[in-house]
Amino acid sequence: MLARLARIAELDRAGVEPRELVVELRALLDEATVWSRTEGGAAAERAVDDLRSSLRAAHDMIDG
């Protein structure tokens, strides 16, 4: 997940299209979901839920 976060930050700094960032964010959500199930705990579940909400908001902003 840390490598994915670094890639997202790098792409953001490079000024890629928002849709490209959403693709990476979706991949991060998938990785975070697996992590949450493996590590367990309420904090992990909240983190994934927060990420999912943020991704929805980003998608809504892009698609209008």
PDB file of N, CA and C in Angstrom:
ATOM      1  N   MET A   1       0.817  -1.183   0.000  1.00  0.00           N
ATOM      2  CA  MET A   1       0.000   0.000   0.000  1.00  0.00           C
ATOM      3  C   MET A   1       0.865   1.252   0.000  1.00  0.00           C
ATOM      4  N   LEU A   2       1.982   1.195   0.688  1.00  0.00           N
ATOM      5  CA  LEU A   2       2.856   2.371   0.722  1.00  0.00           C
ATOM      6  C   LEU A   2       3.403   2.698  -0.657  1.00  0.00           C
ATOM      7  N   ALA A   3       3.749   1.679  -1.422  1.00  0.00           N
ATOM      8  CA  ALA A   3       4.235   1.913  -2.789  1.00  0.00           C
ATOM      9  C   ALA A   3       3.131   2.538  -3.639  1.00  0.00           C
ATOM     10  N   ARG A   4       1.915   2.072  -3.454  1.00  0.00           N
ATOM     11  CA  ARG A   4       0.782   2.627  -4.211  1.00  0.00           C
ATOM     12  C   ARG A   4       0.577   4.087  -3.841  1.00  0.00           C
ATOM     13  N   LEU A   5       0.653   4.401  -2.540  1.00  0.00           N
ATOM     14  CA  LEU A   5       0.511   5.798  -2.106  1.00  0.00           C
ATOM     15  C   LEU A   5       1.596   6.683  -2.702  1.00  0.00           C
ATOM     16  N   ALA A   6       2.811   6.169  -2.747  1.00  0.00           N
ATOM     17  CA  ALA A   6       3.920   6.930  -3.338  1.00  0.00           C
ATOM     18  C   ALA A   6       3.668   7.167  -4.822  1.00  0.00           C
ATOM     19  N   ARG A   7       3.168   6.142  -5.518  1.00  0.00           N
ATOM     20  CA  ARG A   7       2.861   6.290  -6.941  1.00  0.00           C
ATOM     21  C   ARG A   7       1.771   7.329  -7.155  1.00  0.00           C
ATOM     22  N   ILE A   8       0.743   7.313  -6.332  1.00  0.00           N
ATOM     23  CA  ILE A   8      -0.340   8.294  -6.446  1.00  0.00           C
ATOM     24  C   ILE A   8       0.207   9.710  -6.240  1.00  0.00           C
ATOM     25  N   ALA A   9       1.040   9.886  -5.238  1.00  0.00           N
ATOM     26  CA  ALA A   9       1.637  11.198  -4.983  1.00  0.00           C
ATOM     27  C   ALA A   9       2.491  11.641  -6.159  1.00  0.00           C
ATOM     28  N   GLU A  10       3.251  10.715  -6.725  1.00  0.00           N
ATOM     29  CA  GLU A  10       4.101  11.026  -7.881  1.00  0.00           C
ATOM     30  C   GLU A  10       3.255  11.441  -9.087  1.00  0.00           C
ATOM     31  N   LEU A  11       2.202  10.697  -9.347  1.00  0.00           N
ATOM     32  CA  LEU A  11       1.317  11.029 -10.468  1.00  0.00           C
ATOM     33  C   LEU A  11       0.642  12.379 -10.252  1.00  0.00           C
ATOM     34  N   ASP A  12       0.247  12.644  -9.014  1.00  0.00           N
ATOM     35  CA  ASP A  12      -0.388  13.925  -8.693  1.00  0.00           C
ATOM     36  C   ASP A  12       0.575  15.078  -8.955  1.00  0.00           C
ATOM     37  N   ARG A  13       1.816  14.919  -8.510  1.00  0.00           N
ATOM     38  CA  ARG A  13       2.822  15.965  -8.742  1.00  0.00           C
ATOM     39  C   ARG A  13       3.078  16.159 -10.230  1.00  0.00           C
ATOM     40  N   ALA A  14       2.967  15.082 -11.006  1.00  0.00           N
ATOM     41  CA  ALA A  14       3.206  15.161 -12.448  1.00  0.00           C
ATOM     42  C   ALA A  14       2.021  15.786 -13.186  1.00  0.00           C
ATOM     43  N   GLY A  15       0.906  15.953 -12.488  1.00  0.00           N
ATOM     44  CA  GLY A  15      -0.247  16.614 -13.087  1.00  0.00           C
ATOM     45  C   GLY A  15      -1.048  15.738 -14.037  1.00  0.00           C
ATOM     46  N   VAL A  16      -1.099  14.438 -13.756  1.00  0.00           N
ATOM     47  CA  VAL A  16      -1.871  13.550 -14.625  1.00  0.00           C
ATOM     48  C   VAL A  16      -3.356  13.864 -14.521  1.00  0.00           C
ATOM     49  N   GLU A  17      -4.095  13.355 -15.479  1.00  0.00           N
ATOM     50  CA  GLU A  17      -5.543  13.539 -15.489  1.00  0.00           C
ATOM     51  C   GLU A  17      -6.159  12.915 -14.233  1.00  0.00           C
ATOM     52  N   PRO A  18      -7.183  13.544 -13.709  1.00  0.00           N
ATOM     53  CA  PRO A  18      -7.840  12.997 -12.512  1.00  0.00           C
ATOM     54  C   PRO A  18      -8.304  11.547 -12.684  1.00  0.00           C
ATOM     55  N   ARG A  19      -8.741  11.186 -13.868  1.00  0.00           N
ATOM     56  CA  ARG A  19      -9.200   9.807 -14.101  1.00  0.00           C
ATOM     57  C   ARG A  19      -8.081   8.792 -13.857  1.00  0.00           C
ATOM     58  N   GLU A  20      -6.859   9.179 -14.204  1.00  0.00           N
ATOM     59  CA  GLU A  20      -5.726   8.287 -13.950  1.00  0.00           C
ATOM     60  C   GLU A  20      -5.503   8.102 -12.453  1.00  0.00           C
ATOM     61  N   LEU A  21      -5.685   9.170 -11.710  1.00  0.00           N
ATOM     62  CA  LEU A  21      -5.559   9.067 -10.255  1.00  0.00           C
ATOM     63  C   LEU A  21      -6.650   8.185  -9.667  1.00  0.00           C
ATOM     64  N   VAL A  22      -7.843   8.273 -10.212  1.00  0.00           N
ATOM     65  CA  VAL A  22      -8.942   7.445  -9.712  1.00  0.00           C
ATOM     66  C   VAL A  22      -8.634   5.966  -9.921  1.00  0.00           C
ATOM     67  N   VAL A  23      -8.025   5.625 -11.046  1.00  0.00           N
ATOM     68  CA  VAL A  23      -7.635   4.231 -11.287  1.00  0.00           C
ATOM     69  C   VAL A  23      -6.688   3.762 -10.187  1.00  0.00           C
ATOM     70  N   GLU A  24      -5.715   4.586  -9.855  1.00  0.00           N
ATOM     71  CA  GLU A  24      -4.765   4.234  -8.795  1.00  0.00           C
ATOM     72  C   GLU A  24      -5.448   4.188  -7.435  1.00  0.00           C
ATOM     73  N   LEU A  25      -6.365   5.100  -7.203  1.00  0.00           N
ATOM     74  CA  LEU A  25      -7.086   5.101  -5.927  1.00  0.00           C
ATOM     75  C   LEU A  25      -7.953   3.856  -5.775  1.00  0.00           C
ATOM     76  N   ARG A  26      -8.545   3.413  -6.871  1.00  0.00           N
ATOM     77  CA  ARG A  26      -9.336   2.168  -6.808  1.00  0.00           C
ATOM     78  C   ARG A  26      -8.436   0.982  -6.466  1.00  0.00           C
ATOM     79  N   ALA A  27      -7.254   0.945  -7.071  1.00  0.00           N
ATOM     80  CA  ALA A  27      -6.304  -0.127  -6.762  1.00  0.00           C
ATOM     81  C   ALA A  27      -5.895  -0.055  -5.293  1.00  0.00           C
ATOM     82  N   LEU A  28      -5.688   1.160  -4.794  1.00  0.00           N
ATOM     83  CA  LEU A  28      -5.356   1.339  -3.378  1.00  0.00           C
ATOM     84  C   LEU A  28      -6.500   0.836  -2.502  1.00  0.00           C
ATOM     85  N   LEU A  29      -7.730   1.120  -2.890  1.00  0.00           N
ATOM     86  CA  LEU A  29      -8.876   0.641  -2.126  1.00  0.00           C
ATOM     87  C   LEU A  29      -8.900  -0.888  -2.083  1.00  0.00           C
ATOM     88  N   ASP A  30      -8.615  -1.520  -3.207  1.00  0.00           N
ATOM     89  CA  ASP A  30      -8.562  -2.988  -3.233  1.00  0.00           C
ATOM     90  C   ASP A  30      -7.490  -3.506  -2.280  1.00  0.00           C
ATOM     91  N   GLU A  31      -6.302  -2.890  -2.330  1.00  0.00           N
ATOM     92  CA  GLU A  31      -5.213  -3.306  -1.447  1.00  0.00           C
ATOM     93  C   GLU A  31      -5.562  -3.061   0.018  1.00  0.00           C
ATOM     94  N   ALA A  32      -6.195  -1.928   0.278  1.00  0.00           N
ATOM     95  CA  ALA A  32      -6.569  -1.595   1.652  1.00  0.00           C
ATOM     96  C   ALA A  32      -7.635  -2.551   2.182  1.00  0.00           C
ATOM     97  N   THR A  33      -8.532  -2.976   1.310  1.00  0.00           N
ATOM     98  CA  THR A  33      -9.567  -3.923   1.722  1.00  0.00           C
ATOM     99  C   THR A  33      -8.936  -5.252   2.130  1.00  0.00           C
ATOM    100  N   VAL A  34      -7.997  -5.727   1.342  1.00  0.00           N
ATOM    101  CA  VAL A  34      -7.290  -6.967   1.680  1.00  0.00           C
ATOM    102  C   VAL A  34      -6.542  -6.792   2.999  1.00  0.00           C
ATOM    103  N   TRP A  35      -5.856  -5.678   3.138  1.00  0.00           N
ATOM    104  CA  TRP A  35      -5.118  -5.399   4.375  1.00  0.00           C
ATOM    105  C   TRP A  35      -6.061  -5.389   5.564  1.00  0.00           C
ATOM    106  N   SER A  36      -7.197  -4.728   5.406  1.00  0.00           N
ATOM    107  CA  SER A  36      -8.155  -4.627   6.498  1.00  0.00           C
ATOM    108  C   SER A  36      -8.641  -6.006   6.941  1.00  0.00           C
ATOM    109  N   ARG A  37      -8.911  -6.857   5.978  1.00  0.00           N
ATOM    110  CA  ARG A  37      -9.388  -8.202   6.309  1.00  0.00           C
ATOM    111  C   ARG A  37      -8.291  -9.031   6.972  1.00  0.00           C
ATOM    112  N   THR A  38      -7.048  -8.799   6.561  1.00  0.00           N
ATOM    113  CA  THR A  38      -5.921  -9.543   7.122  1.00  0.00           C
ATOM    114  C   THR A  38      -5.591  -9.051   8.529  1.00  0.00           C
ATOM    115  N   GLU A  39      -5.490  -7.738   8.671  1.00  0.00           N
ATOM    116  CA  GLU A  39      -5.095  -7.147   9.948  1.00  0.00           C
ATOM    117  C   GLU A  39      -6.266  -7.050  10.922  1.00  0.00           C
ATOM    118  N   GLY A  40      -7.453  -6.892  10.365  1.00  0.00           N
ATOM    119  CA  GLY A  40      -8.650  -6.808  11.192  1.00  0.00           C
ATOM    120  C   GLY A  40      -8.708  -5.550  12.027  1.00  0.00           C
ATOM    121  N   GLY A  41      -9.709  -5.487  12.847  1.00  0.00           N
ATOM    122  CA  GLY A  41      -9.847  -4.372  13.768  1.00  0.00           C
ATOM    123  C   GLY A  41     -10.718  -3.254  13.231  1.00  0.00           C
ATOM    124  N   ALA A  42     -11.308  -2.546  14.153  1.00  0.00           N
ATOM    125  CA  ALA A  42     -12.211  -1.450  13.818  1.00  0.00           C
ATOM    126  C   ALA A  42     -11.492  -0.308  13.114  1.00  0.00           C
ATOM    127  N   ALA A  43     -10.272  -0.014  13.533  1.00  0.00           N
ATOM    128  CA  ALA A  43      -9.533   1.089  12.914  1.00  0.00           C
ATOM    129  C   ALA A  43      -9.258   0.803  11.442  1.00  0.00           C
ATOM    130  N   ALA A  44      -8.925  -0.440  11.127  1.00  0.00           N
ATOM    131  CA  ALA A  44      -8.673  -0.812   9.734  1.00  0.00           C
ATOM    132  C   ALA A  44      -9.944  -0.678   8.910  1.00  0.00           C
ATOM    133  N   GLU A  45     -11.049  -1.121   9.450  1.00  0.00           N
ATOM    134  CA  GLU A  45     -12.324  -1.015   8.738  1.00  0.00           C
ATOM    135  C   GLU A  45     -12.714   0.435   8.509  1.00  0.00           C
ATOM    136  N   ARG A  46     -12.497   1.283   9.509  1.00  0.00           N
ATOM    137  CA  ARG A  46     -12.813   2.712   9.354  1.00  0.00           C
ATOM    138  C   ARG A  46     -11.930   3.341   8.283  1.00  0.00           C
ATOM    139  N   ALA A  47     -10.664   2.969   8.260  1.00  0.00           N
ATOM    140  CA  ALA A  47      -9.753   3.520   7.262  1.00  0.00           C
ATOM    141  C   ALA A  47     -10.214   3.163   5.856  1.00  0.00           C
ATOM    142  N   VAL A  48     -10.621   1.920   5.653  1.00  0.00           N
ATOM    143  CA  VAL A  48     -11.098   1.499   4.335  1.00  0.00           C
ATOM    144  C   VAL A  48     -12.409   2.211   3.990  1.00  0.00           C
ATOM    145  N   ASP A  49     -13.294   2.338   4.945  1.00  0.00           N
ATOM    146  CA  ASP A  49     -14.552   3.051   4.703  1.00  0.00           C
ATOM    147  C   ASP A  49     -14.296   4.511   4.339  1.00  0.00           C
ATOM    148  N   ASP A  50     -13.349   5.142   5.034  1.00  0.00           N
ATOM    149  CA  ASP A  50     -12.996   6.531   4.721  1.00  0.00           C
ATOM    150  C   ASP A  50     -12.423   6.641   3.316  1.00  0.00           C
ATOM    151  N   LEU A  51     -11.565   5.708   2.954  1.00  0.00           N
ATOM    152  CA  LEU A  51     -10.985   5.712   1.615  1.00  0.00           C
ATOM    153  C   LEU A  51     -12.075   5.506   0.566  1.00  0.00           C
ATOM    154  N   ARG A  52     -12.983   4.590   0.820  1.00  0.00           N
ATOM    155  CA  ARG A  52     -14.086   4.331  -0.111  1.00  0.00           C
ATOM    156  C   ARG A  52     -14.931   5.592  -0.294  1.00  0.00           C
ATOM    157  N   SER A  53     -15.234   6.294   0.783  1.00  0.00           N
ATOM    158  CA  SER A  53     -16.009   7.533   0.701  1.00  0.00           C
ATOM    159  C   SER A  53     -15.268   8.608  -0.081  1.00  0.00           C
ATOM    160  N   SER A  54     -13.986   8.714   0.161  1.00  0.00           N
ATOM    161  CA  SER A  54     -13.182   9.701  -0.562  1.00  0.00           C
ATOM    162  C   SER A  54     -13.130   9.398  -2.043  1.00  0.00           C
ATOM    163  N   LEU A  55     -13.024   8.124  -2.385  1.00  0.00           N
ATOM    164  CA  LEU A  55     -12.992   7.735  -3.786  1.00  0.00           C
ATOM    165  C   LEU A  55     -14.325   8.067  -4.460  1.00  0.00           C
ATOM    166  N   ARG A  56     -15.430   7.793  -3.774  1.00  0.00           N
ATOM    167  CA  ARG A  56     -16.740   8.152  -4.330  1.00  0.00           C
ATOM    168  C   ARG A  56     -16.838   9.658  -4.581  1.00  0.00           C
ATOM    169  N   ALA A  57     -16.378  10.452  -3.625  1.00  0.00           N
ATOM    170  CA  ALA A  57     -16.425  11.900  -3.763  1.00  0.00           C
ATOM    171  C   ALA A  57     -15.560  12.364  -4.938  1.00  0.00           C
ATOM    172  N   ALA A  58     -14.380  11.789  -5.077  1.00  0.00           N
ATOM    173  CA  ALA A  58     -13.495  12.141  -6.193  1.00  0.00           C
ATOM    174  C   ALA A  58     -14.142  11.767  -7.520  1.00  0.00           C
ATOM    175  N   HIS A  59     -14.719  10.595  -7.560  1.00  0.00           N
ATOM    176  CA  HIS A  59     -15.376  10.136  -8.792  1.00  0.00           C
ATOM    177  C   HIS A  59     -16.536  11.067  -9.149  1.00  0.00           C
ATOM    178  N   ASP A  60     -17.329  11.466  -8.161  1.00  0.00           N
ATOM    179  CA  ASP A  60     -18.446  12.377  -8.398  1.00  0.00           C
ATOM    180  C   ASP A  60     -17.969  13.727  -8.908  1.00  0.00           C
ATOM    181  N   MET A  61     -16.854  14.222  -8.374  1.00  0.00           N
ATOM    182  CA  MET A  61     -16.316  15.504  -8.823  1.00  0.00           C
ATOM    183  C   MET A  61     -15.843  15.422 -10.273  1.00  0.00           C
ATOM    184  N   ILE A  62     -15.236  14.311 -10.636  1.00  0.00           N
ATOM    185  CA  ILE A  62     -14.705  14.152 -11.988  1.00  0.00           C
ATOM    186  C   ILE A  62     -15.834  13.998 -13.001  1.00  0.00           C
ATOM    187  N   ASP A  63     -16.815  13.190 -12.663  1.00  0.00           N
ATOM    188  CA  ASP A  63     -17.903  12.911 -13.593  1.00  0.00           C
ATOM    189  C   ASP A  63     -19.028  13.955 -13.539  1.00  0.00           C
ATOM    190  N   GLY A  64     -18.916  14.842 -12.579  1.00  0.00           N
ATOM    191  CA  GLY A  64     -19.880  15.927 -12.488  1.00  0.00           C
ATOM    192  C   GLY A  64     -21.166  15.503 -11.956  1.00  0.00           C
TER     193      GLY A  64
END
